[in-house]
Each structure stands twice: as C-alpha cells, then as structure tokens.
Amino acid sequence: MDIFTLLGLSEELSYFTLGVISFVGSLIPFVPVPSFILLVTMAVSDTFDLHTIALVSALTATAAKQIIFMISYGGRRIIAPKTHARIRPFERLVKKYGGPTTFVAAATPIPDDLVYIPLGIARFNPIRFFIYTLSGKLVLNYATVFGAYYLGASLVESAMVHVNNNVAYVLVGIIVFSAAVTIIVIVLLRLDWSRVLGRVAPWTLDDDDDNGRDGAKKNT
C-alpha cells in the first residue's frame, strides 16, 4: 500500500493531489511523503504552471506547519512556573533570532519541526512564524520547481535522498521523529538556560528590559 491509496487519492497528477500530499506530508513530521517527487514530476510536465505548483505546495505546507506550531504554542500552558523561569533566556533568544531560524528551516530540506516545536513552546510570534515559514517554503519550492524544469528531473532527483512511499517506511519515520522531538523537548525544558546562554548571550539573562517596560506601562 502506498501513500496515494492510504489517503484515498488517485495517482493522476493534479494541483489538488499536490496540495493534499504537501499538507499531509508537512502535518505528519519527518514522514517521507513524496511531495518533492510530485513537484519535480509536475514541473517537467507541460500541463502545469510552475508558479502555481510552487504556490500551492508552499501554502498547504505552511498551513500544516502552522498547526504544529500552534499546538506547541498552546502546550506552553501546562508547563510549571519554575520551568517558565528556567527557559526565559531561551525565549529572549528566540524573540531575536526566531525569524531567520524559521526561514532557514523552511527554505532547506531538513526536518524543520525539530526547530518549529521549540519555537512554539518559546511563544514565538505566530504571525511572524507564518510569514517566515511561507517565505522559506516559497524559496525551497521555486528552487525545486525551476531546478527540475531547467536541469531535468533526473538531475534533481539524483541529488536527493531516496524516498520510499511505502506505509511501513512512513510509520518508521513517525517513530524516529517522535523520539527525536521528545528528547529535544525534554532537554529544552530541563536545561538551565541561564548557564547555557550566560557566556555566549548574556543579554538574555537581563530582566531589566522586561521590568522597565512593565514599569513604563504602569506609569503611563
């Protein structure tokens, strides 16, 4: 059984099929769903518009990533107050560098949820997350689509890791990703970030800015 059968889709290429595969592949992290293969295949075909292909895939992938991010964002509520205080330096770091980090994760073929979930826990701005993620996905998709169109599908595919859309392989991917995310979240919540960032980014330890802003608000 392949991913098309699992999702009840026809293997006939269409914008709708691309959107569904791109959304599902992005919503289920670290799963080798063949959205890249569809992009390449549709790009070398004379039937589809290159800009539409890149846009459809980018929008649906970003929508899926936004769901994952918001789940992580909401999960912050169950964290104990002591843990909040411990990760506050990390939050300040994320507020300053979260945008470029989000863009790079989206614009490169890496397991980006390993970056997005910690950003959600640290309460990175959701609107900025959407903008940076969509921008990164557009860059990645346009590079893939036009690379396939001008270089040929065989050259593009040869540079990528082999993707097997067998359902068993999908399940293995889910297990591997779940273990990786669990480890990262545990480390994120248990680390003493004041010690980790104290030397390399001492400005993340300063509460004066936050207190000063609060005081200024109270005095106005």
Protein backbone atom coordinates (compact mmCIF):
# COMPACT_ATOMS: atom_id res chain seq x y z
CA MET A 1 0.00 0.00 0.00
CA ASP A 2 1.38 3.43 -0.95
CA ILE A 3 0.54 6.91 0.31
CA PHE A 4 -1.94 7.56 -2.51
CA THR A 5 -4.00 4.51 -1.53
CA LEU A 6 -3.75 5.41 2.15
CA LEU A 7 -5.17 8.88 1.51
CA GLY A 8 -7.77 7.68 -0.98
CA LEU A 9 -6.23 9.69 -3.82
CA SER A 10 -5.76 8.91 -7.46
CA GLU A 11 -2.17 8.79 -8.69
CA GLU A 12 -3.22 11.08 -11.54
CA LEU A 13 -1.36 14.36 -11.12
CA SER A 14 -3.32 17.48 -10.23
CA TYR A 15 -2.99 20.64 -8.14
CA PHE A 16 -5.43 19.13 -5.63
CA THR A 17 -3.35 15.97 -5.24
CA LEU A 18 -0.22 18.07 -4.78
CA GLY A 19 -1.93 20.19 -2.13
CA VAL A 20 -3.18 17.19 -0.16
CA ILE A 21 0.15 15.36 -0.29
CA SER A 22 2.05 18.51 0.64
CA PHE A 23 -0.29 19.24 3.56
CA VAL A 24 -0.27 15.69 4.93
CA GLY A 25 3.47 15.33 4.47
CA SER A 26 4.04 18.56 6.40
CA LEU A 27 1.46 17.83 9.09
CA ILE A 28 2.94 14.42 9.89
CA PRO A 29 6.52 15.37 10.70
CA PHE A 30 9.55 13.50 9.38
CA VAL A 31 7.45 11.38 7.05
CA PRO A 32 8.83 10.66 3.57
CA VAL A 33 5.64 11.59 1.70
CA PRO A 34 6.54 12.19 -1.97
CA SER A 35 5.61 15.88 -2.25
CA PHE A 36 9.08 16.59 -3.66
CA ILE A 37 8.63 13.88 -6.28
CA LEU A 38 5.29 15.40 -7.27
CA LEU A 39 6.84 18.86 -7.54
CA VAL A 40 9.59 17.57 -9.80
CA THR A 41 7.26 15.46 -11.92
CA MET A 42 4.73 18.28 -12.38
CA ALA A 43 7.48 20.81 -13.12
CA VAL A 44 8.84 18.84 -16.09
CA SER A 45 5.34 18.34 -17.45
CA ASP A 46 3.88 20.82 -19.95
CA THR A 47 0.47 20.58 -18.25
CA PHE A 48 1.07 22.62 -15.10
CA ASP A 49 2.05 26.22 -14.39
CA LEU A 50 5.34 26.41 -12.48
CA HIS A 51 4.28 29.33 -10.28
CA THR A 52 1.01 27.64 -9.33
CA ILE A 53 2.83 24.44 -8.41
CA ALA A 54 5.25 26.27 -6.12
CA LEU A 55 2.50 28.38 -4.54
CA VAL A 56 0.06 25.52 -3.90
CA SER A 57 2.72 23.39 -2.25
CA ALA A 58 4.08 26.31 -0.19
CA LEU A 59 0.67 27.40 1.09
CA THR A 60 -0.51 23.92 2.06
CA ALA A 61 2.82 23.04 3.70
CA THR A 62 2.80 26.32 5.64
CA ALA A 63 -0.76 25.73 6.81
CA ALA A 64 0.26 22.33 8.18
CA LYS A 65 3.35 23.77 9.89
CA GLN A 66 1.21 26.50 11.46
CA ILE A 67 -1.00 23.83 13.04
CA ILE A 68 2.04 22.07 14.52
CA PHE A 69 3.41 25.38 15.75
CA MET A 70 0.12 26.42 17.40
CA ILE A 71 -0.21 23.06 19.16
CA SER A 72 3.28 23.59 20.59
CA TYR A 73 2.38 27.20 21.40
CA GLY A 74 -0.71 26.14 23.34
CA GLY A 75 1.16 23.34 25.10
CA ARG A 76 3.12 26.00 26.97
CA ARG A 77 0.14 26.33 29.35
CA ILE A 78 0.87 23.02 31.05
CA ILE A 79 4.46 23.97 31.87
CA ALA A 80 5.16 24.67 35.55
CA PRO A 81 6.11 28.24 36.65
CA LYS A 82 9.63 27.14 37.64
CA THR A 83 10.17 25.79 34.14
CA HIS A 84 8.90 29.09 32.70
CA ALA A 85 11.58 30.94 34.64
CA ARG A 86 14.26 28.45 33.57
CA ILE A 87 13.56 28.81 29.85
CA ARG A 88 13.06 32.60 29.88
CA PRO A 89 16.59 33.27 28.50
CA PHE A 90 15.83 30.86 25.66
CA GLU A 91 12.61 32.78 24.94
CA ARG A 92 14.53 36.04 24.65
CA LEU A 93 16.96 34.36 22.25
CA VAL A 94 14.04 33.09 20.16
CA LYS A 95 12.40 36.52 20.00
CA LYS A 96 15.57 37.97 18.49
CA TYR A 97 16.65 35.18 16.17
CA GLY A 98 13.48 33.14 15.70
CA GLY A 99 12.57 34.76 12.39
CA PRO A 100 15.78 33.94 10.47
CA THR A 101 15.86 30.49 12.09
CA THR A 102 12.31 29.78 10.92
CA PHE A 103 13.12 30.93 7.40
CA VAL A 104 16.26 28.80 7.12
CA ALA A 105 14.42 25.72 8.44
CA ALA A 106 11.64 26.25 5.88
CA ALA A 107 13.95 27.00 2.97
CA THR A 108 16.12 23.90 3.40
CA PRO A 109 15.16 20.19 3.17
CA ILE A 110 15.71 19.46 6.87
CA PRO A 111 13.26 18.05 9.45
CA ASP A 112 12.06 21.57 10.23
CA ASP A 113 9.67 20.56 13.02
CA LEU A 114 12.71 19.93 15.19
CA VAL A 115 13.03 23.73 15.06
CA TYR A 116 9.36 24.73 14.95
CA ILE A 117 8.20 22.86 18.05
CA PRO A 118 10.74 24.56 20.37
CA LEU A 119 9.78 27.90 18.78
CA GLY A 120 6.15 27.24 19.66
CA ILE A 121 7.00 26.34 23.24
CA ALA A 122 9.03 29.55 23.50
CA ARG A 123 5.99 31.52 22.25
CA PHE A 124 7.50 32.94 19.08
CA ASN A 125 5.10 35.36 17.37
CA PRO A 126 2.59 33.27 15.32
CA ILE A 127 2.16 35.88 12.57
CA ARG A 128 5.92 36.22 12.10
CA PHE A 129 6.17 32.43 12.12
CA PHE A 130 3.64 32.17 9.28
CA ILE A 131 5.37 34.86 7.20
CA TYR A 132 8.88 33.43 7.63
CA THR A 133 7.69 29.85 7.04
CA LEU A 134 5.76 30.74 3.88
CA SER A 135 8.72 32.74 2.58
CA GLY A 136 11.08 29.84 3.19
CA LYS A 137 8.75 27.30 1.61
CA LEU A 138 8.38 29.50 -1.46
CA VAL A 139 12.15 29.73 -1.83
CA LEU A 140 12.55 25.95 -1.47
CA ASN A 141 9.69 25.14 -3.83
CA TYR A 142 10.76 27.62 -6.51
CA ALA A 143 14.30 26.26 -6.36
CA THR A 144 12.94 22.73 -6.73
CA VAL A 145 10.46 23.54 -9.50
CA PHE A 146 12.77 25.65 -11.65
CA GLY A 147 15.70 23.35 -10.95
CA ALA A 148 13.67 20.44 -12.27
CA TYR A 149 12.40 22.46 -15.23
CA TYR A 150 15.80 23.68 -16.41
CA LEU A 151 18.08 20.86 -15.27
CA GLY A 152 15.76 17.94 -15.80
CA ALA A 153 14.04 15.73 -13.26
CA SER A 154 16.75 13.07 -13.27
CA LEU A 155 19.46 15.53 -12.22
CA VAL A 156 17.36 16.99 -9.42
CA GLU A 157 16.21 13.63 -8.10
CA SER A 158 19.75 12.24 -8.10
CA ALA A 159 20.77 14.92 -5.60
CA MET A 160 18.06 13.92 -3.14
CA VAL A 161 17.90 11.12 -0.61
CA HIS A 162 15.88 8.15 -1.85
CA VAL A 163 12.23 8.46 -0.86
CA ASN A 164 10.17 5.33 -0.33
CA ASN A 165 6.44 5.94 -0.03
CA ASN A 166 5.70 2.56 1.47
CA VAL A 167 3.39 2.86 4.50
CA ALA A 168 5.75 0.80 6.68
CA TYR A 169 8.52 3.28 5.96
CA VAL A 170 6.15 6.12 6.89
CA LEU A 171 5.49 4.51 10.26
CA VAL A 172 9.21 4.14 10.91
CA GLY A 173 9.64 7.83 10.12
CA ILE A 174 6.93 8.76 12.62
CA ILE A 175 8.60 6.70 15.36
CA VAL A 176 12.04 8.18 14.67
CA PHE A 177 10.73 11.72 14.62
CA SER A 178 8.63 11.26 17.76
CA ALA A 179 11.68 10.03 19.66
CA ALA A 180 13.80 12.94 18.41
CA VAL A 181 11.19 15.56 19.30
CA THR A 182 10.63 14.03 22.74
CA ILE A 183 14.35 14.23 23.50
CA ILE A 184 14.60 17.82 22.26
CA VAL A 185 11.59 19.00 24.28
CA ILE A 186 12.87 17.30 27.45
CA VAL A 187 16.29 18.89 27.03
CA LEU A 188 14.69 22.28 26.28
CA LEU A 189 12.58 22.22 29.43
CA ARG A 190 15.21 20.80 31.78
CA LEU A 191 18.27 22.81 30.77
CA ASP A 192 19.34 25.73 32.94
CA TRP A 193 19.35 28.27 30.11
CA SER A 194 20.87 30.98 32.28
CA ARG A 195 24.04 28.87 32.46
CA VAL A 196 23.93 27.79 28.82
CA LEU A 197 23.50 31.32 27.47
CA GLY A 198 25.21 33.22 30.26
CA ARG A 199 28.54 33.47 28.45
CA VAL A 200 27.57 33.44 24.79
CA ALA A 201 24.47 35.68 25.07
CA PRO A 202 24.46 37.42 28.47
CA TRP A 203 21.77 39.85 27.31
CA THR A 204 19.24 37.02 27.53
CA LEU A 205 19.65 36.99 31.32
CA ASP A 206 18.72 40.65 31.80
CA ASP A 207 15.27 41.15 33.30
CA ASP A 208 15.70 44.92 33.43
CA ASP A 209 14.23 45.45 29.97
CA ASP A 210 11.10 43.48 30.81
CA ASN A 211 10.73 45.13 34.20
CA GLY A 212 11.40 48.52 32.71
CA ARG A 213 8.73 48.04 30.10
CA ASP A 214 6.24 46.89 32.70
CA GLY A 215 7.06 49.88 34.87
CA ALA A 216 6.74 52.26 31.99
CA LYS A 217 3.32 50.85 31.17
CA LYS A 218 2.18 51.27 34.77
CA ASN A 219 3.39 54.87 34.90
CA THR A 220 1.60 55.89 31.70
